[in-house]
Protein backbone atom coordinates (compact mmCIF):
# COMPACT_ATOMS: atom_id res chain seq x y z
CA MET A 1 29.95 -11.38 7.13
CA SER A 2 30.73 -8.92 9.59
CA ASP A 3 28.74 -7.35 12.51
CA GLN A 4 28.93 -3.97 11.07
CA HIS A 5 28.04 -4.83 7.71
CA MET A 6 25.14 -6.79 8.71
CA ASP A 7 23.99 -3.94 10.95
CA ARG A 8 24.38 -1.41 7.76
CA ILE A 9 22.39 -3.70 5.94
CA MET A 10 19.59 -4.44 8.16
CA ALA A 11 19.39 -0.53 9.00
CA LEU A 12 18.90 0.31 5.16
CA ASP A 13 15.31 2.42 4.57
CA PRO A 14 14.14 1.55 0.79
CA HIS A 15 13.04 5.19 0.51
CA THR A 16 16.35 6.45 1.37
CA VAL A 17 17.97 4.14 -1.28
CA GLY A 18 15.52 5.48 -4.04
CA VAL A 19 16.13 9.04 -3.30
CA ARG A 20 19.90 8.69 -3.47
CA VAL A 21 19.71 6.21 -6.60
CA GLU A 22 17.49 9.41 -8.32
CA THR A 23 20.04 11.84 -6.98
CA LEU A 24 22.88 9.85 -8.45
CA LEU A 25 20.94 9.30 -11.77
CA VAL A 26 20.64 13.46 -12.36
CA GLU A 27 24.16 13.74 -11.40
CA VAL A 28 24.94 11.33 -14.20
CA GLU A 29 23.20 13.39 -16.47
CA ASN A 30 24.17 16.70 -14.90
CA ALA A 31 28.20 15.31 -15.86
CA GLY A 32 27.58 13.47 -19.09
CA GLY A 33 24.08 14.65 -20.39
CA GLN A 34 21.15 12.44 -21.23
CA ALA A 35 22.91 10.44 -23.14
CA ALA A 36 24.88 9.64 -19.84
CA ARG A 37 21.54 9.33 -18.20
CA THR A 38 19.81 6.91 -20.67
CA ALA A 39 22.99 4.51 -20.24
CA ALA A 40 22.92 4.86 -16.41
CA ASP A 41 18.71 3.92 -16.43
CA GLY A 42 20.07 1.17 -18.63
CA VAL A 43 22.48 -0.38 -16.21
CA VAL A 44 19.87 0.69 -13.30
CA ARG A 45 17.18 -1.54 -15.19
CA GLU A 46 19.66 -4.72 -15.82
CA LEU A 47 20.62 -4.70 -12.62
CA LEU A 48 17.12 -4.98 -11.55
CA HIS A 49 16.58 -7.76 -13.85
CA LEU A 50 19.16 -9.65 -12.70
CA ASN A 51 17.85 -9.41 -9.05
CA GLU A 52 14.42 -10.34 -10.34
CA ALA A 53 15.67 -13.21 -11.56
CA GLY A 54 17.77 -14.14 -8.67
CA LEU A 55 14.98 -13.53 -6.46
CA ALA A 56 12.41 -15.46 -8.34
CA ARG A 57 14.63 -18.58 -8.20
CA LEU A 58 15.38 -18.38 -5.01
CA LEU A 59 11.86 -18.16 -3.83
CA ASP A 60 10.52 -21.11 -6.46
CA GLY A 61 13.37 -23.50 -4.16
CA LEU A 62 12.18 -22.29 -0.78
CA VAL A 63 8.03 -22.85 -1.72
CA THR A 64 9.19 -26.08 -2.11
CA VAL A 65 9.91 -27.00 1.50
CA PRO A 66 7.07 -27.33 3.86
CA GLY A 67 6.28 -24.67 5.94
CA VAL A 68 7.96 -21.99 4.24
CA ALA A 69 5.40 -20.52 2.16
CA GLU A 70 3.52 -19.10 5.50
CA GLU A 71 7.06 -18.17 6.83
CA LEU A 72 7.39 -15.96 3.74
CA ARG A 73 4.48 -14.73 4.43
CA VAL A 74 5.46 -13.24 7.62
CA LEU A 75 8.79 -12.16 6.25
CA ALA A 76 7.14 -10.11 3.32
CA GLU A 77 5.43 -8.12 6.53
CA ASP A 78 8.97 -5.93 7.05
CA GLU A 79 8.61 -3.23 4.95
CA LEU A 80 12.40 -3.65 2.99
CA VAL A 81 11.46 -7.17 2.39
CA GLY A 82 7.93 -6.58 1.05
CA GLY A 83 9.18 -3.56 -1.01
CA LEU A 84 11.44 -5.96 -2.66
CA LEU A 85 8.90 -8.63 -3.43
CA ALA A 86 6.69 -6.14 -4.12
CA LEU A 87 8.58 -4.11 -6.51
CA TYR A 88 9.31 -7.38 -8.62
CA GLY A 89 6.05 -9.02 -8.66
CA LEU A 90 6.91 -11.62 -6.18
CA HIS A 91 4.82 -10.60 -3.22
CA PRO A 92 3.39 -13.82 -1.72
CA VAL A 93 0.55 -12.09 -0.37
CA PRO A 94 -2.12 -10.42 -2.77
CA ILE A 95 -2.17 -6.63 -3.21
CA GLU A 96 -5.79 -6.26 -2.23
CA GLU A 97 -5.10 -8.75 1.25
CA ARG A 98 -2.54 -6.22 2.08
CA VAL A 99 -4.34 -3.08 1.58
CA LEU A 100 -7.43 -4.57 3.68
CA VAL A 101 -4.70 -5.21 6.60
CA ALA A 102 -3.52 -1.95 6.41
CA LEU A 103 -7.33 -0.60 6.26
CA ASP A 104 -7.95 -2.41 9.10
CA ARG A 105 -4.86 -0.69 10.86
CA ALA A 106 -6.19 2.93 9.97
CA ARG A 107 -9.70 1.87 11.69
CA ARG A 108 -8.13 0.98 14.56
CA GLN A 109 -5.56 4.18 14.76
CA LEU A 110 -8.42 6.66 13.41
CA GLY A 111 -11.79 5.24 14.67
CA ARG A 112 -13.30 5.14 11.50
CA GLU A 113 -14.75 2.70 8.67
CA PHE A 114 -12.47 2.12 5.41
CA THR A 115 -13.59 0.43 2.45
CA LEU A 116 -11.65 -0.56 -0.51
CA VAL A 117 -13.23 0.51 -3.41
CA ASP A 118 -10.90 -1.13 -6.52
CA ILE A 119 -7.14 -0.59 -7.48
CA ASP A 120 -6.59 0.26 -11.06
CA ALA A 121 -3.81 -1.06 -13.22
CA ALA A 122 -1.98 2.56 -12.66
CA GLY A 123 -1.39 1.77 -9.24
CA THR A 124 -4.14 4.36 -7.70
CA ALA A 125 -6.29 2.71 -4.93
CA ARG A 126 -9.42 3.98 -4.20
CA ILE A 127 -10.74 3.81 -0.58
CA ALA A 128 -14.50 5.17 1.13
CA SER A 129 -14.37 6.29 4.07
CA ALA A 130 -17.43 6.16 6.54
CA GLY A 131 -18.53 9.41 8.32
CA CYS A 132 -15.88 11.91 8.35
CA ALA A 133 -14.37 14.09 5.75
CA SER A 134 -10.76 14.73 4.39
CA GLY A 135 -8.13 15.95 7.22
CA CYS A 136 -10.51 14.98 9.82
CA GLY A 137 -8.99 12.95 13.49
CA SER A 138 -7.02 14.12 15.98
CA THR A 139 -3.51 12.71 14.86
CA GLY A 140 -0.95 15.37 13.67
CA GLU A 141 -1.06 14.12 10.14
CA SER A 142 -4.27 14.30 7.97
CA MET A 143 -6.84 11.67 7.68
CA ASP A 144 -5.56 11.11 4.22
CA ALA A 145 -2.11 11.18 4.81
CA ALA A 146 -2.11 8.02 7.69
CA VAL A 147 -4.24 6.21 5.31
CA SER A 148 -1.68 6.70 2.36
CA ARG A 149 0.83 6.00 4.67
CA LEU A 150 -0.51 2.89 6.19
CA VAL A 151 -1.50 1.78 2.78
CA GLN A 152 1.80 2.21 0.85
CA GLN A 153 3.87 0.76 3.45
CA ALA A 154 1.55 -2.49 2.77
CA ALA A 155 1.39 -2.40 -0.88
CA PRO A 156 4.48 -0.14 -1.95
CA GLU A 157 3.37 -0.88 -5.63
CA ILE A 158 0.26 1.78 -4.89
CA VAL A 159 1.39 4.95 -6.45
CA GLU A 160 -1.33 7.03 -5.20
CA VAL A 161 -4.35 6.42 -2.41
CA VAL A 162 -7.52 8.63 -2.89
CA LEU A 163 -9.33 8.85 -0.23
CA GLN A 164 -13.27 9.50 -0.99
CA GLU A 165 -16.28 9.70 1.45
CA ALA A 166 -18.52 6.51 1.37
CA ALA A 167 -21.97 7.22 0.13
CA PRO A 168 -24.40 7.71 3.16
CA GLU A 169 -26.87 4.80 4.07
CA PRO A 170 -30.05 4.96 2.91
CA LYS A 171 -32.40 5.95 5.68
CA LEU A 172 -34.84 3.19 6.88
CA LEU A 173 -38.43 3.47 6.40
CA GLN A 174 -40.80 2.87 9.48
CA ILE A 175 -43.99 1.25 8.11
CA GLY A 176 -46.34 1.08 10.62
CA ARG A 177 -50.40 1.13 11.42
CA ARG A 178 -52.55 4.06 9.91
CA PRO A 179 -53.35 6.36 12.73
CA LYS A 180 -57.23 5.77 13.98
CA ALA A 181 -59.71 8.46 12.11
CA PRO A 182 -61.23 10.64 14.51
CA THR A 183 -64.10 9.63 15.64
CA GLY A 184 -67.15 10.73 13.06
CA ALA A 185 -64.72 11.02 9.98
CA PRO A 186 -65.16 8.42 7.30
CA ALA A 187 -62.35 5.83 7.76
């Protein structure tokens, strides 16, 4: 493989490629109508299935080599590699674990505590934020956008991030001694 080819591959941005693919599918539809779009969608789907099968076989073979499973976890931290593995349901790190790592990054960047409430079947992650309403923080982007970006980088299969204010901690009730009754008053 030439250095130029390798440089081009290493510079691929998955989001840009996704936008280009969608643009090309719209062009196919505009040129040939809905039937052409349906056929092009089918071609893309078949290529994705072929890639999925190839990656699955590759990973099945690799995980039998001692020490490779941990190396694969490290490789999966790369946005492109991790996104590709997540696309095919082959990511070696569970989605909840990846989201928790992203929330730890958000805590360090934004100075707030975040808790994963749940991830539903539709790909929505509900995150509770302690002590701050939506949009606070000193960064150029809102807190919602920053948390969404970090979560979706770590877990591209998350479609939506919903940030909600965490329920306030209950106030502690102080129990102490009864005050002494004034002198001469019944106790």
